[in-house]
């Protein structure tokens, strides 16, 4: 998925990584599994180690306006949800950040709650392929 012009694309990818850093650090510890997920996300977004290091140094510096495309906003939320469960724990600070970002992206609180509950339900086991879609369907525009 592309996110627009090259500048918009980089801003969106950098924002996603900054959210993942904030999510991982929200409980006061950045676990090895969270670091691995960050590397995985950066690779899937095609960001260099140098770009990721700059973002990790100052994650507060990266912000974007919510993209008009719902799929792009969902992508942001998906990355955040999967980082939340990466260490097989979901703490209140992670939930708060997920709610804040989800609300900024224009999603209803009930949908965000449903997705967080799904992450909690499958902390250890793989999430069934259709389960996220089933929880999102009632809220799609």
C-alpha atoms as a PDB file:
ATOM      1  CA  UNK A   1       0.000   0.000   0.000  1.00  0.00           C
ATOM      2  CA  UNK A   2       1.295   3.425  -0.869  1.00  0.00           C
ATOM      3  CA  UNK A   3       0.541   6.423   1.266  1.00  0.00           C
ATOM      4  CA  UNK A   4       0.716   9.260  -1.316  1.00  0.00           C
ATOM      5  CA  UNK A   5       3.620  11.403  -2.496  1.00  0.00           C
ATOM      6  CA  UNK A   6       7.150  10.369  -1.471  1.00  0.00           C
ATOM      7  CA  UNK A   7       7.066  12.958   1.340  1.00  0.00           C
ATOM      8  CA  UNK A   8       3.642  11.761   2.547  1.00  0.00           C
ATOM      9  CA  UNK A   9       4.836   8.171   2.292  1.00  0.00           C
ATOM     10  CA  UNK A  10       7.883   8.824   4.479  1.00  0.00           C
ATOM     11  CA  UNK A  11       5.839  10.870   6.975  1.00  0.00           C
ATOM     12  CA  UNK A  12       3.269   8.075   7.300  1.00  0.00           C
ATOM     13  CA  UNK A  13       5.875   5.348   7.726  1.00  0.00           C
ATOM     14  CA  UNK A  14       7.850   7.433  10.223  1.00  0.00           C
ATOM     15  CA  UNK A  15       4.656   8.138  12.168  1.00  0.00           C
ATOM     16  CA  UNK A  16       3.852   4.418  12.363  1.00  0.00           C
ATOM     17  CA  UNK A  17       7.328   3.623  13.689  1.00  0.00           C
ATOM     18  CA  UNK A  18       7.115   6.502  16.192  1.00  0.00           C
ATOM     19  CA  UNK A  19       3.819   5.080  17.492  1.00  0.00           C
ATOM     20  CA  UNK A  20       5.369   1.641  17.841  1.00  0.00           C
ATOM     21  CA  UNK A  21       8.260   3.095  19.822  1.00  0.00           C
ATOM     22  CA  UNK A  22       5.848   4.973  22.093  1.00  0.00           C
ATOM     23  CA  UNK A  23       3.734   1.845  22.522  1.00  0.00           C
ATOM     24  CA  UNK A  24       6.763  -0.313  23.379  1.00  0.00           C
ATOM     25  CA  UNK A  25       8.095   2.251  25.854  1.00  0.00           C
ATOM     26  CA  UNK A  26       4.726   2.999  27.475  1.00  0.00           C
ATOM     27  CA  UNK A  27       5.222   0.347  30.174  1.00  0.00           C
ATOM     28  CA  UNK A  28       8.744   1.512  30.972  1.00  0.00           C
ATOM     29  CA  UNK A  29      10.522  -1.390  29.280  1.00  0.00           C
ATOM     30  CA  UNK A  30      11.319  -2.016  25.627  1.00  0.00           C
ATOM     31  CA  UNK A  31      11.487  -5.807  25.497  1.00  0.00           C
ATOM     32  CA  UNK A  32      13.525  -7.810  23.001  1.00  0.00           C
ATOM     33  CA  UNK A  33      10.360  -9.137  21.362  1.00  0.00           C
ATOM     34  CA  UNK A  34       9.084  -5.566  20.956  1.00  0.00           C
ATOM     35  CA  UNK A  35      12.415  -4.627  19.385  1.00  0.00           C
ATOM     36  CA  UNK A  36      12.041  -7.560  16.986  1.00  0.00           C
ATOM     37  CA  UNK A  37       8.544  -6.439  16.058  1.00  0.00           C
ATOM     38  CA  UNK A  38       9.853  -2.903  15.482  1.00  0.00           C
ATOM     39  CA  UNK A  39      12.508  -4.298  13.116  1.00  0.00           C
ATOM     40  CA  UNK A  40       9.858  -6.390  11.356  1.00  0.00           C
ATOM     41  CA  UNK A  41       7.578  -3.351  10.951  1.00  0.00           C
ATOM     42  CA  UNK A  42      10.431  -1.144   9.731  1.00  0.00           C
ATOM     43  CA  UNK A  43      11.425  -3.786   7.183  1.00  0.00           C
ATOM     44  CA  UNK A  44       7.849  -4.178   5.964  1.00  0.00           C
ATOM     45  CA  UNK A  45       7.614  -0.389   5.630  1.00  0.00           C
ATOM     46  CA  UNK A  46      11.017  -0.323   3.900  1.00  0.00           C
ATOM     47  CA  UNK A  47      12.624   2.068   6.368  1.00  0.00           C
ATOM     48  CA  UNK A  48      16.362   1.963   6.922  1.00  0.00           C
ATOM     49  CA  UNK A  49      18.065   1.318  10.248  1.00  0.00           C
ATOM     50  CA  UNK A  50      19.262   4.931  10.160  1.00  0.00           C
ATOM     51  CA  UNK A  51      15.691   6.237   9.721  1.00  0.00           C
ATOM     52  CA  UNK A  52      14.433   4.019  12.554  1.00  0.00           C
ATOM     53  CA  UNK A  53      17.272   5.120  14.846  1.00  0.00           C
ATOM     54  CA  UNK A  54      16.361   8.780  14.230  1.00  0.00           C
ATOM     55  CA  UNK A  55      12.715   8.060  15.046  1.00  0.00           C
ATOM     56  CA  UNK A  56      13.614   6.104  18.199  1.00  0.00           C
ATOM     57  CA  UNK A  57      15.757   9.011  19.351  1.00  0.00           C
ATOM     58  CA  UNK A  58      12.796  11.411  19.279  1.00  0.00           C
ATOM     59  CA  UNK A  59       9.448   9.715  18.578  1.00  0.00           C
ATOM     60  CA  UNK A  60       7.483  12.809  19.661  1.00  0.00           C
ATOM     61  CA  UNK A  61       8.762  14.638  16.586  1.00  0.00           C
ATOM     62  CA  UNK A  62       6.625  12.581  14.193  1.00  0.00           C
ATOM     63  CA  UNK A  63       2.966  13.340  13.645  1.00  0.00           C
ATOM     64  CA  UNK A  64       0.575  13.343  10.720  1.00  0.00           C
ATOM     65  CA  UNK A  65      -2.989  14.318  10.012  1.00  0.00           C
ATOM     66  CA  UNK A  66      -5.202  11.249   9.785  1.00  0.00           C
ATOM     67  CA  UNK A  67      -5.199   9.992   6.194  1.00  0.00           C
ATOM     68  CA  UNK A  68      -8.557  10.344   4.451  1.00  0.00           C
ATOM     69  CA  UNK A  69      -8.399   6.728   3.276  1.00  0.00           C
ATOM     70  CA  UNK A  70      -9.890   4.347   5.862  1.00  0.00           C
ATOM     71  CA  UNK A  71      -7.574   1.516   4.819  1.00  0.00           C
ATOM     72  CA  UNK A  72      -4.516   3.623   5.588  1.00  0.00           C
ATOM     73  CA  UNK A  73      -5.925   4.595   8.977  1.00  0.00           C
ATOM     74  CA  UNK A  74      -6.629   0.913   9.709  1.00  0.00           C
ATOM     75  CA  UNK A  75      -3.030   0.073   8.778  1.00  0.00           C
ATOM     76  CA  UNK A  76      -1.802   2.476  11.461  1.00  0.00           C
ATOM     77  CA  UNK A  77      -4.118   0.917  14.027  1.00  0.00           C
ATOM     78  CA  UNK A  78      -3.133  -2.650  13.054  1.00  0.00           C
ATOM     79  CA  UNK A  79       0.565  -1.964  13.580  1.00  0.00           C
ATOM     80  CA  UNK A  80      -0.200  -0.433  16.971  1.00  0.00           C
ATOM     81  CA  UNK A  81      -2.424  -3.334  18.044  1.00  0.00           C
ATOM     82  CA  UNK A  82       0.162  -5.933  17.090  1.00  0.00           C
ATOM     83  CA  UNK A  83       2.931  -4.072  18.932  1.00  0.00           C
ATOM     84  CA  UNK A  84       0.649  -3.975  21.978  1.00  0.00           C
ATOM     85  CA  UNK A  85       0.528  -7.771  22.105  1.00  0.00           C
ATOM     86  CA  UNK A  86       4.102  -8.415  20.939  1.00  0.00           C
ATOM     87  CA  UNK A  87       5.404  -9.021  24.473  1.00  0.00           C
ATOM     88  CA  UNK A  88       2.351 -11.137  25.374  1.00  0.00           C
ATOM     89  CA  UNK A  89       1.162  -8.489  27.820  1.00  0.00           C
ATOM     90  CA  UNK A  90      -1.304  -5.650  27.415  1.00  0.00           C
ATOM     91  CA  UNK A  91      -1.012  -2.943  30.028  1.00  0.00           C
ATOM     92  CA  UNK A  92      -3.238   0.080  30.682  1.00  0.00           C
ATOM     93  CA  UNK A  93      -0.742   2.576  29.205  1.00  0.00           C
ATOM     94  CA  UNK A  94      -0.717   0.629  25.935  1.00  0.00           C
ATOM     95  CA  UNK A  95      -4.507   0.579  25.865  1.00  0.00           C
ATOM     96  CA  UNK A  96      -4.651   4.324  26.492  1.00  0.00           C
ATOM     97  CA  UNK A  97      -2.295   5.039  23.594  1.00  0.00           C
ATOM     98  CA  UNK A  98      -4.237   2.694  21.332  1.00  0.00           C
ATOM     99  CA  UNK A  99      -7.501   4.448  22.233  1.00  0.00           C
ATOM    100  CA  UNK A 100      -5.963   7.886  21.713  1.00  0.00           C
ATOM    101  CA  UNK A 101      -4.559   7.031  18.284  1.00  0.00           C
ATOM    102  CA  UNK A 102      -7.660   5.109  17.240  1.00  0.00           C
ATOM    103  CA  UNK A 103      -9.848   8.072  18.178  1.00  0.00           C
ATOM    104  CA  UNK A 104      -7.511  10.457  16.284  1.00  0.00           C
ATOM    105  CA  UNK A 105      -7.858   8.168  13.272  1.00  0.00           C
ATOM    106  CA  UNK A 106     -11.628   8.530  13.515  1.00  0.00           C
ATOM    107  CA  UNK A 107     -12.545   5.095  14.849  1.00  0.00           C
ATOM    108  CA  UNK A 108     -15.307   4.468  17.345  1.00  0.00           C
ATOM    109  CA  UNK A 109     -14.388   3.571  20.898  1.00  0.00           C
ATOM    110  CA  UNK A 110     -16.414   0.368  20.709  1.00  0.00           C
ATOM    111  CA  UNK A 111     -14.425  -0.874  17.699  1.00  0.00           C
ATOM    112  CA  UNK A 112     -11.124  -0.031  19.379  1.00  0.00           C
ATOM    113  CA  UNK A 113     -12.263  -1.856  22.536  1.00  0.00           C
ATOM    114  CA  UNK A 114     -13.256  -4.900  20.470  1.00  0.00           C
ATOM    115  CA  UNK A 115      -9.842  -5.023  18.816  1.00  0.00           C
ATOM    116  CA  UNK A 116      -7.980  -4.582  22.103  1.00  0.00           C
ATOM    117  CA  UNK A 117     -10.033  -7.416  23.609  1.00  0.00           C
ATOM    118  CA  UNK A 118      -9.122  -9.578  20.612  1.00  0.00           C
ATOM    119  CA  UNK A 119      -5.426  -8.847  21.204  1.00  0.00           C
ATOM    120  CA  UNK A 120      -5.834  -9.815  24.869  1.00  0.00           C
ATOM    121  CA  UNK A 121      -7.686 -12.991  23.936  1.00  0.00           C
ATOM    122  CA  UNK A 122      -4.858 -14.092  21.643  1.00  0.00           C
ATOM    123  CA  UNK A 123      -1.766 -12.940  23.520  1.00  0.00           C
ATOM    124  CA  UNK A 124      -0.013 -16.271  23.029  1.00  0.00           C
ATOM    125  CA  UNK A 125      -1.857 -17.987  20.183  1.00  0.00           C
ATOM    126  CA  UNK A 126      -2.146 -16.771  16.606  1.00  0.00           C
ATOM    127  CA  UNK A 127      -5.152 -14.606  15.885  1.00  0.00           C
ATOM    128  CA  UNK A 128      -7.562 -16.468  13.590  1.00  0.00           C
ATOM    129  CA  UNK A 129      -7.389 -14.898  10.104  1.00  0.00           C
ATOM    130  CA  UNK A 130     -10.976 -13.632   9.894  1.00  0.00           C
ATOM    131  CA  UNK A 131     -11.424 -12.596  13.517  1.00  0.00           C
ATOM    132  CA  UNK A 132     -10.188  -9.013  13.066  1.00  0.00           C
ATOM    133  CA  UNK A 133     -12.339  -8.490   9.996  1.00  0.00           C
ATOM    134  CA  UNK A 134     -15.383  -9.824  11.846  1.00  0.00           C
ATOM    135  CA  UNK A 135     -14.820  -7.345  14.677  1.00  0.00           C
ATOM    136  CA  UNK A 136     -14.345  -4.435  12.278  1.00  0.00           C
ATOM    137  CA  UNK A 137     -17.161  -5.106   9.774  1.00  0.00           C
ATOM    138  CA  UNK A 138     -19.963  -3.531  11.824  1.00  0.00           C
ATOM    139  CA  UNK A 139     -18.025  -0.247  11.970  1.00  0.00           C
ATOM    140  CA  UNK A 140     -16.856   0.151   8.378  1.00  0.00           C
ATOM    141  CA  UNK A 141     -18.131   3.085   6.355  1.00  0.00           C
END
